[in-house]
N, C-alpha and C. Protein backbone atom coordinates (compact mmCIF):
# COMPACT_ATOMS: atom_id res chain seq x y z
N MET A 1 0.84 -1.18 0.00
CA MET A 1 0.00 0.00 0.00
C MET A 1 0.89 1.24 0.00
N ASP A 2 0.54 2.19 -0.86
CA ASP A 2 1.30 3.43 -0.91
C ASP A 2 0.51 4.55 -0.22
N ALA A 3 1.11 5.74 -0.17
CA ALA A 3 0.51 6.88 0.52
C ALA A 3 -0.82 7.30 -0.10
N LYS A 4 -0.93 7.23 -1.41
CA LYS A 4 -2.16 7.64 -2.09
C LYS A 4 -3.33 6.73 -1.68
N GLU A 5 -3.07 5.43 -1.60
CA GLU A 5 -4.11 4.49 -1.18
C GLU A 5 -4.53 4.75 0.27
N ALA A 6 -3.56 5.03 1.13
CA ALA A 6 -3.86 5.34 2.54
C ALA A 6 -4.72 6.60 2.63
N GLU A 7 -4.42 7.59 1.81
CA GLU A 7 -5.20 8.84 1.79
C GLU A 7 -6.64 8.57 1.34
N THR A 8 -6.82 7.74 0.33
CA THR A 8 -8.15 7.40 -0.17
C THR A 8 -8.97 6.68 0.90
N ILE A 9 -8.35 5.74 1.61
CA ILE A 9 -9.02 5.02 2.68
C ILE A 9 -9.40 5.98 3.80
N ALA A 10 -8.49 6.88 4.15
CA ALA A 10 -8.75 7.86 5.21
C ALA A 10 -9.92 8.77 4.84
N LYS A 11 -9.95 9.25 3.61
CA LYS A 11 -11.06 10.11 3.17
C LYS A 11 -12.39 9.38 3.27
N GLY A 12 -12.44 8.13 2.84
CA GLY A 12 -13.66 7.35 2.92
C GLY A 12 -14.12 7.16 4.36
N PHE A 13 -13.19 6.89 5.25
CA PHE A 13 -13.50 6.69 6.67
C PHE A 13 -14.07 7.97 7.28
N ILE A 14 -13.44 9.10 6.99
CA ILE A 14 -13.88 10.38 7.54
C ILE A 14 -15.25 10.77 6.97
N LYS A 15 -15.47 10.51 5.70
CA LYS A 15 -16.77 10.83 5.09
C LYS A 15 -17.90 9.97 5.68
N GLN A 16 -17.59 8.75 6.12
CA GLN A 16 -18.59 7.93 6.79
C GLN A 16 -18.91 8.50 8.17
N ARG A 17 -17.90 8.99 8.85
CA ARG A 17 -18.09 9.58 10.20
C ARG A 17 -18.82 10.90 10.14
N HIS A 18 -18.52 11.70 9.13
CA HIS A 18 -19.10 13.03 8.97
C HIS A 18 -19.71 13.15 7.57
N PRO A 19 -20.96 12.74 7.41
CA PRO A 19 -21.59 12.75 6.08
C PRO A 19 -21.66 14.15 5.45
N ARG A 20 -21.61 15.20 6.27
CA ARG A 20 -21.72 16.56 5.73
C ARG A 20 -20.34 17.22 5.62
N VAL A 21 -19.33 16.43 5.34
CA VAL A 21 -17.97 16.95 5.24
C VAL A 21 -17.86 17.93 4.07
N GLU A 22 -17.12 19.00 4.30
CA GLU A 22 -16.89 20.00 3.25
C GLU A 22 -15.44 19.99 2.78
N ARG A 23 -14.53 19.68 3.71
CA ARG A 23 -13.11 19.74 3.34
C ARG A 23 -12.32 18.82 4.24
N ILE A 24 -11.39 18.09 3.64
CA ILE A 24 -10.43 17.28 4.39
C ILE A 24 -9.05 17.74 3.96
N PHE A 25 -8.25 18.13 4.93
CA PHE A 25 -6.91 18.63 4.64
C PHE A 25 -5.89 17.78 5.38
N PHE A 26 -4.96 17.17 4.66
CA PHE A 26 -3.92 16.36 5.27
C PHE A 26 -2.67 17.22 5.48
N ARG A 27 -2.26 17.35 6.73
CA ARG A 27 -1.05 18.13 7.05
C ARG A 27 0.21 17.29 6.85
N THR A 28 0.22 16.12 7.48
CA THR A 28 1.38 15.24 7.37
C THR A 28 0.92 13.81 7.16
N MET A 29 1.79 13.04 6.54
CA MET A 29 1.54 11.64 6.30
C MET A 29 2.88 10.92 6.32
N HIS A 30 3.01 9.93 7.19
CA HIS A 30 4.26 9.18 7.24
C HIS A 30 3.98 7.73 7.61
N ARG A 31 4.94 6.90 7.32
CA ARG A 31 4.80 5.47 7.61
C ARG A 31 5.48 5.17 8.94
N GLU A 32 4.78 4.41 9.78
CA GLU A 32 5.28 4.05 11.10
C GLU A 32 5.07 2.55 11.26
N GLY A 33 6.11 1.77 11.07
CA GLY A 33 5.98 0.31 11.15
C GLY A 33 5.07 -0.21 10.03
N ASP A 34 4.01 -0.91 10.42
CA ASP A 34 3.06 -1.49 9.46
C ASP A 34 1.82 -0.61 9.28
N ALA A 35 1.97 0.69 9.45
CA ALA A 35 0.81 1.58 9.32
C ALA A 35 1.22 2.92 8.74
N TRP A 36 0.28 3.53 8.03
CA TRP A 36 0.42 4.91 7.60
C TRP A 36 -0.26 5.78 8.65
N VAL A 37 0.39 6.85 9.07
CA VAL A 37 -0.16 7.77 10.05
C VAL A 37 -0.44 9.09 9.33
N LEU A 38 -1.69 9.54 9.40
CA LEU A 38 -2.10 10.76 8.72
C LEU A 38 -2.63 11.76 9.75
N HIS A 39 -2.14 12.98 9.69
CA HIS A 39 -2.60 14.07 10.55
C HIS A 39 -3.24 15.12 9.65
N GLY A 40 -4.32 15.72 10.13
CA GLY A 40 -4.93 16.76 9.32
C GLY A 40 -6.12 17.41 9.99
N GLU A 41 -6.94 18.05 9.16
CA GLU A 41 -8.12 18.75 9.64
C GLU A 41 -9.31 18.35 8.78
N VAL A 42 -10.47 18.31 9.41
CA VAL A 42 -11.72 18.04 8.69
C VAL A 42 -12.70 19.16 9.03
N GLU A 43 -13.36 19.67 8.00
CA GLU A 43 -14.38 20.70 8.18
C GLU A 43 -15.70 20.12 7.70
N PHE A 44 -16.74 20.26 8.53
CA PHE A 44 -18.04 19.73 8.16
C PHE A 44 -19.14 20.63 8.70
N LYS A 45 -20.29 20.57 8.04
CA LYS A 45 -21.44 21.37 8.46
C LYS A 45 -22.10 20.70 9.66
N GLN A 46 -22.52 21.53 10.62
CA GLN A 46 -23.26 21.01 11.76
C GLN A 46 -24.74 21.38 11.63
N VAL A 47 -25.05 22.66 11.73
CA VAL A 47 -26.43 23.13 11.65
C VAL A 47 -26.46 24.36 10.76
N TYR A 48 -27.38 24.38 9.83
CA TYR A 48 -27.56 25.52 8.92
C TYR A 48 -26.24 25.92 8.29
N PHE A 49 -25.74 27.11 8.65
CA PHE A 49 -24.51 27.62 8.04
C PHE A 49 -23.30 27.43 8.93
N PHE A 50 -23.48 26.80 10.08
CA PHE A 50 -22.38 26.66 11.03
C PHE A 50 -21.52 25.44 10.66
N ALA A 51 -20.23 25.68 10.60
CA ALA A 51 -19.30 24.60 10.29
C ALA A 51 -18.39 24.35 11.48
N ALA A 52 -17.99 23.12 11.64
CA ALA A 52 -17.04 22.75 12.68
C ALA A 52 -15.74 22.32 12.01
N VAL A 53 -14.63 22.66 12.63
CA VAL A 53 -13.32 22.25 12.13
C VAL A 53 -12.64 21.48 13.25
N ARG A 54 -12.19 20.30 12.94
CA ARG A 54 -11.51 19.46 13.93
C ARG A 54 -10.21 18.93 13.35
N SER A 55 -9.28 18.70 14.26
CA SER A 55 -8.03 18.06 13.85
C SER A 55 -8.18 16.56 14.05
N PHE A 56 -7.42 15.78 13.30
CA PHE A 56 -7.49 14.33 13.46
C PHE A 56 -6.14 13.68 13.27
N LYS A 57 -6.03 12.50 13.85
CA LYS A 57 -4.88 11.62 13.65
C LYS A 57 -5.47 10.25 13.33
N LEU A 58 -5.05 9.68 12.23
CA LEU A 58 -5.64 8.43 11.75
C LEU A 58 -4.52 7.48 11.35
N GLN A 59 -4.69 6.20 11.65
CA GLN A 59 -3.72 5.19 11.25
C GLN A 59 -4.40 4.16 10.35
N VAL A 60 -3.73 3.82 9.26
CA VAL A 60 -4.24 2.82 8.32
C VAL A 60 -3.22 1.68 8.25
N SER A 61 -3.68 0.46 8.49
CA SER A 61 -2.80 -0.71 8.43
C SER A 61 -2.37 -0.97 6.99
N THR A 62 -1.08 -1.17 6.79
CA THR A 62 -0.59 -1.49 5.44
C THR A 62 -0.92 -2.93 5.06
N ASN A 63 -1.16 -3.78 6.04
CA ASN A 63 -1.47 -5.19 5.77
C ASN A 63 -2.92 -5.39 5.36
N THR A 64 -3.84 -4.78 6.10
CA THR A 64 -5.27 -5.02 5.87
C THR A 64 -5.96 -3.88 5.12
N GLY A 65 -5.37 -2.68 5.13
CA GLY A 65 -6.00 -1.53 4.50
C GLY A 65 -7.14 -0.96 5.32
N GLU A 66 -7.22 -1.33 6.60
CA GLU A 66 -8.28 -0.85 7.47
C GLU A 66 -7.76 0.23 8.40
N VAL A 67 -8.66 1.10 8.84
CA VAL A 67 -8.31 2.13 9.81
C VAL A 67 -8.20 1.45 11.16
N THR A 68 -7.03 1.54 11.80
CA THR A 68 -6.81 0.88 13.08
C THR A 68 -6.92 1.84 14.26
N SER A 69 -6.80 3.13 14.00
CA SER A 69 -6.88 4.11 15.07
C SER A 69 -7.37 5.43 14.50
N TYR A 70 -8.23 6.12 15.27
CA TYR A 70 -8.73 7.42 14.85
C TYR A 70 -8.95 8.28 16.08
N GLU A 71 -8.32 9.45 16.11
CA GLU A 71 -8.48 10.41 17.20
C GLU A 71 -8.88 11.74 16.58
N GLU A 72 -9.81 12.42 17.25
CA GLU A 72 -10.30 13.69 16.74
C GLU A 72 -10.42 14.68 17.89
N ALA A 73 -10.09 15.93 17.65
CA ALA A 73 -10.19 16.97 18.68
C ALA A 73 -10.67 18.26 18.05
N ASN A 74 -11.39 19.06 18.83
CA ASN A 74 -11.76 20.39 18.35
C ASN A 74 -10.49 21.14 18.04
N LEU A 75 -10.48 21.86 16.95
CA LEU A 75 -9.27 22.53 16.50
C LEU A 75 -8.78 23.54 17.53
N GLN A 76 -9.66 24.29 18.18
CA GLN A 76 -9.24 25.26 19.18
C GLN A 76 -8.54 24.56 20.34
N ASN A 77 -9.09 23.42 20.79
CA ASN A 77 -8.47 22.68 21.87
C ASN A 77 -7.11 22.13 21.45
N ALA A 78 -7.03 21.66 20.22
CA ALA A 78 -5.76 21.11 19.73
C ALA A 78 -4.70 22.20 19.68
N LYS A 79 -5.09 23.41 19.25
CA LYS A 79 -4.13 24.51 19.19
C LYS A 79 -3.70 24.92 20.59
N LYS A 80 -4.64 24.95 21.54
CA LYS A 80 -4.29 25.29 22.92
C LYS A 80 -3.33 24.28 23.50
N GLN A 81 -3.58 22.99 23.25
CA GLN A 81 -2.69 21.95 23.76
C GLN A 81 -1.30 22.11 23.17
N GLY A 82 -1.23 22.43 21.88
CA GLY A 82 0.06 22.62 21.23
C GLY A 82 0.81 23.80 21.81
N GLN A 83 0.09 24.87 22.16
CA GLN A 83 0.72 26.04 22.75
C GLN A 83 1.22 25.74 24.14
N GLU A 84 0.47 24.94 24.91
CA GLU A 84 0.90 24.59 26.26
C GLU A 84 2.17 23.75 26.23
N LYS A 85 2.27 22.85 25.27
CA LYS A 85 3.44 21.99 25.16
C LYS A 85 4.68 22.79 24.78
N SER A 86 4.49 23.82 23.96
CA SER A 86 5.65 24.58 23.49
C SER A 86 6.10 25.61 24.53
N SER A 87 5.27 25.90 25.53
CA SER A 87 5.62 26.89 26.55
C SER A 87 6.62 26.37 27.52
């Protein structure tokens, strides 16, 4: 499995979780052992014109092609956590 296939699987998984997705942005993608690790942001509609943006970390197994791990956080919280770590 290459990076493009991992990205396609990740997009499909996120679209199933958030049917009203508007944008998926991958920040980083790297291979870690037998898995591809993808970090990024997903933007989706919640109610009417309100959109939510969240950061995510997703792992795709190179052996099975399945998502083995998925973590999601509100983008504001993720940015605050990043600022606290760098302080």
